[in-house]
Amino acid sequence: AAADERARQATAEVVTLLLPTLDTLEMALKHAQSKEMNLVHKQLLDALRAMDVEFYGKVGDRFDPYLYEALRETPVKTKDEDHKVVSVERSGYAIKSAGERPEKIIRPAQVTVGAFREDEEN
């Protein structure tokens, strides 16, 4: 059990060192697509998956404060969009577990969350 915890901690430390590179690559991909950059991105994410690291944060996900850091709220037009991710500023990374929730959050996803207000005209 202690060895497993040390292995998870070492994985988290390695991933934390790689995150600035991944962030830069994802930012570059938002502005200019290239086959080579997409391949490098896929290879990095595949390597993380091989270490039982999952990345998350998609538009439409239900906001969960355990997984997400809300940077701001933005008005939305329907109740269905309330408390849902409307944009992802930075992906989140976590060590997988057998259950529904990740075993360890390495970094929460930074997102904009929809806020529906019935009393406001949207």
C-alpha atoms as a PDB file:
ATOM      1  CA  ALA A   1       0.000   0.000   0.000  1.00  0.00           C
ATOM      2  CA  ALA A   2       2.795   2.419   0.845  1.00  0.00           C
ATOM      3  CA  ALA A   3       4.625   1.459  -2.354  1.00  0.00           C
ATOM      4  CA  ASP A   4       1.444   2.101  -4.365  1.00  0.00           C
ATOM      5  CA  GLU A   5       1.090   5.534  -2.785  1.00  0.00           C
ATOM      6  CA  ARG A   6       4.732   6.345  -3.578  1.00  0.00           C
ATOM      7  CA  ALA A   7       4.192   5.245  -7.196  1.00  0.00           C
ATOM      8  CA  ARG A   8       1.074   7.447  -7.486  1.00  0.00           C
ATOM      9  CA  GLN A   9       2.974  10.375  -5.985  1.00  0.00           C
ATOM     10  CA  ALA A  10       5.880   9.872  -8.410  1.00  0.00           C
ATOM     11  CA  THR A  11       3.428   9.724 -11.335  1.00  0.00           C
ATOM     12  CA  ALA A  12       1.764  12.936 -10.158  1.00  0.00           C
ATOM     13  CA  GLU A  13       5.159  14.663  -9.894  1.00  0.00           C
ATOM     14  CA  VAL A  14       6.191  13.625 -13.425  1.00  0.00           C
ATOM     15  CA  VAL A  15       2.850  14.719 -14.873  1.00  0.00           C
ATOM     16  CA  THR A  16       3.066  18.050 -13.028  1.00  0.00           C
ATOM     17  CA  LEU A  17       6.433  18.653 -14.719  1.00  0.00           C
ATOM     18  CA  LEU A  18       4.907  17.876 -18.143  1.00  0.00           C
ATOM     19  CA  LEU A  19       1.795  20.042 -17.740  1.00  0.00           C
ATOM     20  CA  PRO A  20       3.326  23.366 -18.862  1.00  0.00           C
ATOM     21  CA  THR A  21       4.471  21.672 -22.084  1.00  0.00           C
ATOM     22  CA  LEU A  22       1.034  20.143 -22.627  1.00  0.00           C
ATOM     23  CA  ASP A  23      -0.642  23.495 -21.942  1.00  0.00           C
ATOM     24  CA  THR A  24       1.583  25.237 -24.485  1.00  0.00           C
ATOM     25  CA  LEU A  25       0.920  22.539 -27.064  1.00  0.00           C
ATOM     26  CA  GLU A  26      -2.863  22.722 -26.500  1.00  0.00           C
ATOM     27  CA  MET A  27      -2.759  26.515 -26.785  1.00  0.00           C
ATOM     28  CA  ALA A  28      -0.820  26.244 -30.039  1.00  0.00           C
ATOM     29  CA  LEU A  29      -3.333  23.693 -31.369  1.00  0.00           C
ATOM     30  CA  LYS A  30      -6.193  26.113 -30.684  1.00  0.00           C
ATOM     31  CA  HIS A  31      -4.547  28.653 -33.000  1.00  0.00           C
ATOM     32  CA  ALA A  32      -2.945  26.493 -35.680  1.00  0.00           C
ATOM     33  CA  GLN A  33      -3.559  22.854 -36.526  1.00  0.00           C
ATOM     34  CA  SER A  34      -0.838  20.705 -37.988  1.00  0.00           C
ATOM     35  CA  LYS A  35      -0.583  16.966 -38.466  1.00  0.00           C
ATOM     36  CA  GLU A  36       2.716  16.891 -36.613  1.00  0.00           C
ATOM     37  CA  MET A  37       1.480  18.870 -33.597  1.00  0.00           C
ATOM     38  CA  ASN A  38      -1.645  16.695 -33.380  1.00  0.00           C
ATOM     39  CA  LEU A  39       0.543  13.586 -33.461  1.00  0.00           C
ATOM     40  CA  VAL A  40       2.796  14.866 -30.659  1.00  0.00           C
ATOM     41  CA  HIS A  41      -0.279  15.786 -28.599  1.00  0.00           C
ATOM     42  CA  LYS A  42      -1.797  12.325 -29.122  1.00  0.00           C
ATOM     43  CA  GLN A  43       1.488  10.617 -28.204  1.00  0.00           C
ATOM     44  CA  LEU A  44       1.797  12.631 -24.983  1.00  0.00           C
ATOM     45  CA  LEU A  45      -1.800  11.837 -23.986  1.00  0.00           C
ATOM     46  CA  ASP A  46      -1.283   8.148 -24.837  1.00  0.00           C
ATOM     47  CA  ALA A  47       1.819   8.107 -22.608  1.00  0.00           C
ATOM     48  CA  LEU A  48      -0.200   9.650 -19.761  1.00  0.00           C
ATOM     49  CA  ARG A  49      -2.973   7.059 -20.235  1.00  0.00           C
ATOM     50  CA  ALA A  50      -0.324   4.324 -19.999  1.00  0.00           C
ATOM     51  CA  MET A  51       0.547   5.748 -16.552  1.00  0.00           C
ATOM     52  CA  ASP A  52      -3.172   5.613 -15.539  1.00  0.00           C
ATOM     53  CA  VAL A  53      -3.498   9.373 -15.883  1.00  0.00           C
ATOM     54  CA  GLU A  54      -6.710  10.693 -17.364  1.00  0.00           C
ATOM     55  CA  PHE A  55      -7.321  14.149 -18.730  1.00  0.00           C
ATOM     56  CA  TYR A  56     -10.726  15.734 -18.520  1.00  0.00           C
ATOM     57  CA  GLY A  57     -12.725  18.864 -19.095  1.00  0.00           C
ATOM     58  CA  LYS A  58     -15.251  19.056 -21.899  1.00  0.00           C
ATOM     59  CA  VAL A  59     -17.877  21.599 -22.808  1.00  0.00           C
ATOM     60  CA  GLY A  60     -21.206  20.271 -21.576  1.00  0.00           C
ATOM     61  CA  ASP A  61     -19.794  18.427 -18.542  1.00  0.00           C
ATOM     62  CA  ARG A  62     -21.698  18.965 -15.311  1.00  0.00           C
ATOM     63  CA  PHE A  63     -19.686  21.263 -13.037  1.00  0.00           C
ATOM     64  CA  ASP A  64     -18.178  19.319 -10.128  1.00  0.00           C
ATOM     65  CA  PRO A  65     -16.102  21.426  -7.697  1.00  0.00           C
ATOM     66  CA  TYR A  66     -14.006  18.338  -6.884  1.00  0.00           C
ATOM     67  CA  LEU A  67     -12.826  18.153 -10.497  1.00  0.00           C
ATOM     68  CA  TYR A  68     -13.165  21.707 -11.765  1.00  0.00           C
ATOM     69  CA  GLU A  69     -12.017  25.180 -10.812  1.00  0.00           C
ATOM     70  CA  ALA A  70     -14.584  27.745 -11.931  1.00  0.00           C
ATOM     71  CA  LEU A  71     -12.795  30.844 -13.206  1.00  0.00           C
ATOM     72  CA  ARG A  72     -16.044  32.657 -13.976  1.00  0.00           C
ATOM     73  CA  GLU A  73     -19.744  32.236 -14.557  1.00  0.00           C
ATOM     74  CA  THR A  74     -21.491  33.319 -17.712  1.00  0.00           C
ATOM     75  CA  PRO A  75     -25.219  33.743 -18.330  1.00  0.00           C
ATOM     76  CA  VAL A  76     -26.881  30.931 -20.292  1.00  0.00           C
ATOM     77  CA  LYS A  77     -30.279  30.850 -21.966  1.00  0.00           C
ATOM     78  CA  THR A  78     -31.666  27.532 -20.743  1.00  0.00           C
ATOM     79  CA  LYS A  79     -31.971  25.754 -17.425  1.00  0.00           C
ATOM     80  CA  ASP A  80     -30.346  22.695 -19.025  1.00  0.00           C
ATOM     81  CA  GLU A  81     -27.081  24.660 -19.429  1.00  0.00           C
ATOM     82  CA  ASP A  82     -27.072  25.745 -15.759  1.00  0.00           C
ATOM     83  CA  HIS A  83     -24.007  24.518 -13.833  1.00  0.00           C
ATOM     84  CA  LYS A  84     -22.487  23.037 -16.971  1.00  0.00           C
ATOM     85  CA  VAL A  85     -19.065  23.753 -18.439  1.00  0.00           C
ATOM     86  CA  VAL A  86     -19.387  26.263 -21.286  1.00  0.00           C
ATOM     87  CA  SER A  87     -15.663  26.618 -22.010  1.00  0.00           C
ATOM     88  CA  VAL A  88     -12.445  24.941 -20.877  1.00  0.00           C
ATOM     89  CA  GLU A  89      -9.520  27.254 -20.269  1.00  0.00           C
ATOM     90  CA  ARG A  90      -7.139  24.527 -19.089  1.00  0.00           C
ATOM     91  CA  SER A  91      -7.561  20.729 -19.048  1.00  0.00           C
ATOM     92  CA  GLY A  92      -7.613  18.795 -15.797  1.00  0.00           C
ATOM     93  CA  TYR A  93      -5.506  15.732 -15.049  1.00  0.00           C
ATOM     94  CA  ALA A  94      -6.064  12.969 -12.518  1.00  0.00           C
ATOM     95  CA  ILE A  95      -4.881   9.484 -11.616  1.00  0.00           C
ATOM     96  CA  LYS A  96      -7.599   6.967 -12.482  1.00  0.00           C
ATOM     97  CA  SER A  97      -9.324   4.774  -9.954  1.00  0.00           C
ATOM     98  CA  ALA A  98     -11.611   1.772 -10.193  1.00  0.00           C
ATOM     99  CA  GLY A  99     -14.549   3.939  -9.092  1.00  0.00           C
ATOM    100  CA  GLU A 100     -16.331   6.845 -10.719  1.00  0.00           C
ATOM    101  CA  ARG A 101     -14.183   9.563  -9.148  1.00  0.00           C
ATOM    102  CA  PRO A 102     -10.453   9.808  -9.865  1.00  0.00           C
ATOM    103  CA  GLU A 103      -8.117   8.546  -7.169  1.00  0.00           C
ATOM    104  CA  LYS A 104      -6.003  11.709  -7.120  1.00  0.00           C
ATOM    105  CA  ILE A 105      -6.489  15.057  -8.811  1.00  0.00           C
ATOM    106  CA  ILE A 106      -3.179  16.244 -10.216  1.00  0.00           C
ATOM    107  CA  ARG A 107      -4.665  19.510 -11.455  1.00  0.00           C
ATOM    108  CA  PRO A 108      -8.318  20.561 -11.676  1.00  0.00           C
ATOM    109  CA  ALA A 109      -9.659  21.719 -15.020  1.00  0.00           C
ATOM    110  CA  GLN A 110     -10.179  25.481 -15.202  1.00  0.00           C
ATOM    111  CA  VAL A 111     -13.537  26.287 -16.729  1.00  0.00           C
ATOM    112  CA  THR A 112     -16.272  28.828 -17.332  1.00  0.00           C
ATOM    113  CA  VAL A 113     -19.589  27.669 -15.906  1.00  0.00           C
ATOM    114  CA  GLY A 114     -23.062  28.469 -17.189  1.00  0.00           C
ATOM    115  CA  ALA A 115     -25.437  30.264 -14.827  1.00  0.00           C
ATOM    116  CA  PHE A 116     -29.170  30.340 -15.615  1.00  0.00           C
ATOM    117  CA  ARG A 117     -31.229  33.049 -13.965  1.00  0.00           C
ATOM    118  CA  GLU A 118     -34.984  32.835 -14.469  1.00  0.00           C
ATOM    119  CA  ASP A 119     -35.478  36.400 -13.334  1.00  0.00           C
ATOM    120  CA  GLU A 120     -33.134  37.803 -16.005  1.00  0.00           C
ATOM    121  CA  GLU A 121     -33.759  38.280 -19.689  1.00  0.00           C
ATOM    122  CA  ASN A 122     -31.104  36.303 -21.548  1.00  0.00           C
END
